[in-house]
């Protein structure tokens, strides 16, 4: 990921995932529901290729703290 303020971004051609460590409350929802994408034991801990982008977006919307965000490429 690259650093923009405190937000980190992880991307592929279908999706960019943003993560703000200062906002994260470590609820663990993302890790327990989509461990193929969100795995704190790995570096980087977010693998945007770990699941279909629609599933990742659905999980990001469930984030209780708002620490996770996303952006889809234009035209998607």
C-alpha atoms as a PDB file:
ATOM      1  CA  UNK A   1       0.000   0.000   0.000  1.00  0.00           C
ATOM      2  CA  UNK A   2       1.015   3.591  -0.288  1.00  0.00           C
ATOM      3  CA  UNK A   3       0.713   6.192   2.406  1.00  0.00           C
ATOM      4  CA  UNK A   4      -1.684   9.100   1.921  1.00  0.00           C
ATOM      5  CA  UNK A   5      -2.054  10.970   5.195  1.00  0.00           C
ATOM      6  CA  UNK A   6      -2.848   8.006   7.465  1.00  0.00           C
ATOM      7  CA  UNK A   7      -4.800   6.061   4.839  1.00  0.00           C
ATOM      8  CA  UNK A   8      -3.201   3.095   3.127  1.00  0.00           C
ATOM      9  CA  UNK A   9      -4.437   1.863  -0.229  1.00  0.00           C
ATOM     10  CA  UNK A  10      -4.384  -1.577  -1.807  1.00  0.00           C
ATOM     11  CA  UNK A  11      -5.477  -1.971  -5.403  1.00  0.00           C
ATOM     12  CA  UNK A  12      -5.917  -4.067  -8.494  1.00  0.00           C
ATOM     13  CA  UNK A  13      -7.679  -3.311 -11.796  1.00  0.00           C
ATOM     14  CA  UNK A  14     -11.165  -3.828 -10.319  1.00  0.00           C
ATOM     15  CA  UNK A  15     -10.968  -2.151  -6.937  1.00  0.00           C
ATOM     16  CA  UNK A  16      -9.012   0.116  -4.607  1.00  0.00           C
ATOM     17  CA  UNK A  17      -9.372  -0.560  -0.871  1.00  0.00           C
ATOM     18  CA  UNK A  18      -8.508   2.165   1.620  1.00  0.00           C
ATOM     19  CA  UNK A  19      -7.614   1.496   5.245  1.00  0.00           C
ATOM     20  CA  UNK A  20      -7.169   4.086   7.983  1.00  0.00           C
ATOM     21  CA  UNK A  21      -5.313   2.536  10.953  1.00  0.00           C
ATOM     22  CA  UNK A  22      -6.121   5.523  13.173  1.00  0.00           C
ATOM     23  CA  UNK A  23      -9.874   4.922  12.763  1.00  0.00           C
ATOM     24  CA  UNK A  24      -9.825   1.098  13.046  1.00  0.00           C
ATOM     25  CA  UNK A  25     -11.333  -0.294  16.273  1.00  0.00           C
ATOM     26  CA  UNK A  26     -10.177  -3.865  15.532  1.00  0.00           C
ATOM     27  CA  UNK A  27     -13.690  -5.310  15.619  1.00  0.00           C
ATOM     28  CA  UNK A  28     -12.366  -8.131  13.434  1.00  0.00           C
ATOM     29  CA  UNK A  29     -15.470  -8.480  11.271  1.00  0.00           C
ATOM     30  CA  UNK A  30     -13.493  -8.238   8.027  1.00  0.00           C
ATOM     31  CA  UNK A  31     -10.950 -10.828   9.165  1.00  0.00           C
ATOM     32  CA  UNK A  32     -13.532 -13.369  10.331  1.00  0.00           C
ATOM     33  CA  UNK A  33     -15.834 -13.042   7.291  1.00  0.00           C
ATOM     34  CA  UNK A  34     -13.247 -12.698   4.494  1.00  0.00           C
ATOM     35  CA  UNK A  35      -9.940 -14.157   5.735  1.00  0.00           C
ATOM     36  CA  UNK A  36      -8.775 -14.652   2.132  1.00  0.00           C
ATOM     37  CA  UNK A  37      -8.735 -10.839   1.791  1.00  0.00           C
ATOM     38  CA  UNK A  38      -8.140  -9.537   5.321  1.00  0.00           C
ATOM     39  CA  UNK A  39      -5.320 -11.397   7.091  1.00  0.00           C
ATOM     40  CA  UNK A  40      -3.368  -9.534   9.771  1.00  0.00           C
ATOM     41  CA  UNK A  41      -0.646 -12.207   9.736  1.00  0.00           C
ATOM     42  CA  UNK A  42       0.307 -11.275   6.165  1.00  0.00           C
ATOM     43  CA  UNK A  43       2.058  -8.257   4.685  1.00  0.00           C
ATOM     44  CA  UNK A  44       0.261  -6.517   3.119  1.00  0.00           C
ATOM     45  CA  UNK A  45      -2.667  -7.573   5.296  1.00  0.00           C
ATOM     46  CA  UNK A  46      -5.274  -6.707   2.647  1.00  0.00           C
ATOM     47  CA  UNK A  47      -5.189  -8.905  -0.474  1.00  0.00           C
ATOM     48  CA  UNK A  48      -7.476  -7.242  -3.024  1.00  0.00           C
ATOM     49  CA  UNK A  49      -7.183 -10.365  -5.209  1.00  0.00           C
ATOM     50  CA  UNK A  50      -8.438 -12.642  -2.397  1.00  0.00           C
ATOM     51  CA  UNK A  51     -12.126 -12.522  -3.353  1.00  0.00           C
ATOM     52  CA  UNK A  52     -14.426 -11.108  -6.040  1.00  0.00           C
ATOM     53  CA  UNK A  53     -14.517  -7.318  -5.718  1.00  0.00           C
ATOM     54  CA  UNK A  54     -18.285  -7.306  -5.045  1.00  0.00           C
ATOM     55  CA  UNK A  55     -17.757  -9.470  -1.947  1.00  0.00           C
ATOM     56  CA  UNK A  56     -14.965  -7.185  -0.731  1.00  0.00           C
ATOM     57  CA  UNK A  57     -17.162  -4.088  -1.205  1.00  0.00           C
ATOM     58  CA  UNK A  58     -20.019  -5.775   0.716  1.00  0.00           C
ATOM     59  CA  UNK A  59     -17.645  -6.470   3.609  1.00  0.00           C
ATOM     60  CA  UNK A  60     -16.210  -2.945   3.599  1.00  0.00           C
ATOM     61  CA  UNK A  61     -19.763  -1.578   3.941  1.00  0.00           C
ATOM     62  CA  UNK A  62     -20.133  -3.666   7.136  1.00  0.00           C
ATOM     63  CA  UNK A  63     -17.058  -2.136   8.797  1.00  0.00           C
ATOM     64  CA  UNK A  64     -18.313  -0.708  12.128  1.00  0.00           C
ATOM     65  CA  UNK A  65     -15.624   1.970  12.461  1.00  0.00           C
ATOM     66  CA  UNK A  66     -15.482   3.246   8.893  1.00  0.00           C
ATOM     67  CA  UNK A  67     -11.757   2.503   8.754  1.00  0.00           C
ATOM     68  CA  UNK A  68     -12.210   0.662   5.457  1.00  0.00           C
ATOM     69  CA  UNK A  69     -13.256   2.370   2.256  1.00  0.00           C
ATOM     70  CA  UNK A  70     -13.204   1.592  -1.437  1.00  0.00           C
ATOM     71  CA  UNK A  71     -13.172   3.094  -4.892  1.00  0.00           C
ATOM     72  CA  UNK A  72     -14.183   1.409  -8.117  1.00  0.00           C
ATOM     73  CA  UNK A  73     -12.518   2.358 -11.397  1.00  0.00           C
ATOM     74  CA  UNK A  74     -14.478   4.635 -13.727  1.00  0.00           C
ATOM     75  CA  UNK A  75     -17.083   2.744 -15.721  1.00  0.00           C
ATOM     76  CA  UNK A  76     -17.552  -0.114 -13.222  1.00  0.00           C
END
